[in-house]
Amino acid sequence: MKVGIFGQSNNENTIKYVQELVELCLANEVSIVFEENFFKSFPALYEKKKFETFSGYNDLNKNLDYFFSVGGDGTFLRSVTFIRDLQIPVIGINTGRLGFLA
């Protein structure tokens, strides 16, 4: 299984949830692909492991099983611009305030 992870901020909640998500994926042998800018905001968390990254729709691995959006509703809406018509399910993890979508 392979998943993509995208987020907008690195507040305390985001860091905590991304770290937990990555640990769960690695424990279950799930491959992870990070959005490049989001990945760069977590250098201390993942120094020991190399992850595949993408910066847009054109270089996104089209074989993802799920796409995680970590943030608020705006982040969830921006995540759709990466997957467009690929029919990859998006799972929102709300680390914002209200989170109707995420």
Protein backbone atom coordinates (compact mmCIF):
# COMPACT_ATOMS: atom_id res chain seq x y z
CA MET A 1 0.00 0.00 0.00
CA LYS A 2 1.15 3.54 -0.74
CA VAL A 3 -0.21 6.80 0.69
CA GLY A 4 0.40 10.48 0.05
CA ILE A 5 0.59 13.11 2.80
CA PHE A 6 -0.03 16.84 2.34
CA GLY A 7 -0.40 19.63 4.88
CA GLN A 8 -0.11 23.36 5.22
CA SER A 9 1.29 24.12 8.65
CA ASN A 10 3.51 22.64 11.28
CA ASN A 11 1.75 23.68 14.48
CA GLU A 12 1.97 21.38 17.52
CA ASN A 13 -1.16 19.43 16.55
CA THR A 14 0.05 18.91 13.00
CA ILE A 15 3.48 17.69 14.13
CA LYS A 16 1.90 15.28 16.60
CA TYR A 17 -0.57 13.81 14.09
CA VAL A 18 1.93 13.55 11.23
CA GLN A 19 4.43 11.81 13.48
CA GLU A 20 1.77 9.32 14.61
CA LEU A 21 0.56 8.76 11.04
CA VAL A 22 4.10 8.08 9.82
CA GLU A 23 4.79 5.67 12.69
CA LEU A 24 1.59 3.75 11.93
CA CYS A 25 2.42 3.57 8.23
CA LEU A 26 5.96 2.39 8.82
CA ALA A 27 4.84 -0.21 11.38
CA ASN A 28 2.43 -1.61 8.78
CA GLU A 29 4.88 -1.43 5.87
CA VAL A 30 2.93 1.30 4.08
CA SER A 31 4.99 3.44 1.68
CA ILE A 32 4.68 7.19 2.15
CA VAL A 33 4.95 9.98 -0.41
CA PHE A 34 5.14 13.52 1.01
CA GLU A 35 4.32 16.83 -0.62
CA GLU A 36 7.80 18.39 -0.84
CA ASN A 37 7.21 21.71 0.95
CA PHE A 38 5.29 20.05 3.76
CA PHE A 39 8.03 17.45 4.18
CA LYS A 40 10.69 20.16 4.47
CA SER A 41 8.93 21.56 7.52
CA PHE A 42 9.68 18.34 9.48
CA PRO A 43 13.45 17.78 9.12
CA ALA A 44 14.05 16.63 12.69
CA LEU A 45 11.29 14.03 12.63
CA TYR A 46 12.48 12.06 9.61
CA GLU A 47 16.25 12.44 9.37
CA LYS A 48 16.83 8.69 9.40
CA LYS A 49 14.36 7.71 6.70
CA LYS A 50 14.19 8.75 3.05
CA PHE A 51 10.74 9.44 1.67
CA GLU A 52 9.57 9.98 -1.87
CA THR A 53 8.24 13.50 -2.47
CA PHE A 54 6.10 15.32 -5.03
CA SER A 55 5.55 18.98 -5.73
CA GLY A 56 2.48 18.93 -7.96
CA TYR A 57 0.03 16.90 -9.97
CA ASN A 58 2.52 16.09 -12.72
CA ASP A 59 5.06 14.38 -10.46
CA LEU A 60 2.57 12.78 -8.04
CA ASN A 61 2.72 9.00 -7.94
CA LYS A 62 -0.54 8.03 -9.63
CA ASN A 63 -0.67 4.67 -7.82
CA LEU A 64 -1.53 6.01 -4.36
CA ASP A 65 -4.15 4.09 -2.43
CA TYR A 66 -5.04 7.03 -0.14
CA PHE A 67 -4.15 10.69 0.20
CA PHE A 68 -4.00 12.24 3.69
CA SER A 69 -4.72 15.94 4.11
CA VAL A 70 -3.42 17.18 7.48
CA GLY A 71 -4.73 20.61 8.45
CA GLY A 72 -8.01 22.45 8.16
CA ASP A 73 -10.67 22.78 5.52
CA GLY A 74 -8.49 24.98 3.30
CA THR A 75 -5.79 22.33 3.32
CA PHE A 76 -8.37 19.70 2.42
CA LEU A 77 -9.53 21.77 -0.56
CA ARG A 78 -5.94 22.39 -1.72
CA SER A 79 -5.19 18.66 -1.52
CA VAL A 80 -7.71 18.04 -4.29
CA THR A 81 -5.57 20.11 -6.68
CA PHE A 82 -2.87 17.44 -6.38
CA ILE A 83 -5.04 14.42 -7.09
CA ARG A 84 -7.55 16.02 -9.50
CA ASP A 85 -9.21 13.26 -11.51
CA LEU A 86 -7.11 10.33 -10.23
CA GLN A 87 -9.96 9.01 -8.06
CA ILE A 88 -7.69 8.62 -5.02
CA PRO A 89 -9.68 8.81 -1.76
CA VAL A 90 -8.75 11.79 0.45
CA ILE A 91 -8.72 11.35 4.22
CA GLY A 92 -8.80 14.60 6.18
CA ILE A 93 -7.10 14.89 9.56
CA ASN A 94 -8.30 18.14 11.14
CA THR A 95 -5.63 20.07 13.03
CA GLY A 96 -7.33 23.41 12.46
CA ARG A 97 -10.17 24.96 14.41
CA LEU A 98 -13.52 23.87 13.03
CA GLY A 99 -12.96 21.40 10.22
CA PHE A 100 -16.27 20.82 8.44
CA LEU A 101 -14.52 19.01 5.59
CA ALA A 102 -11.45 17.62 7.31
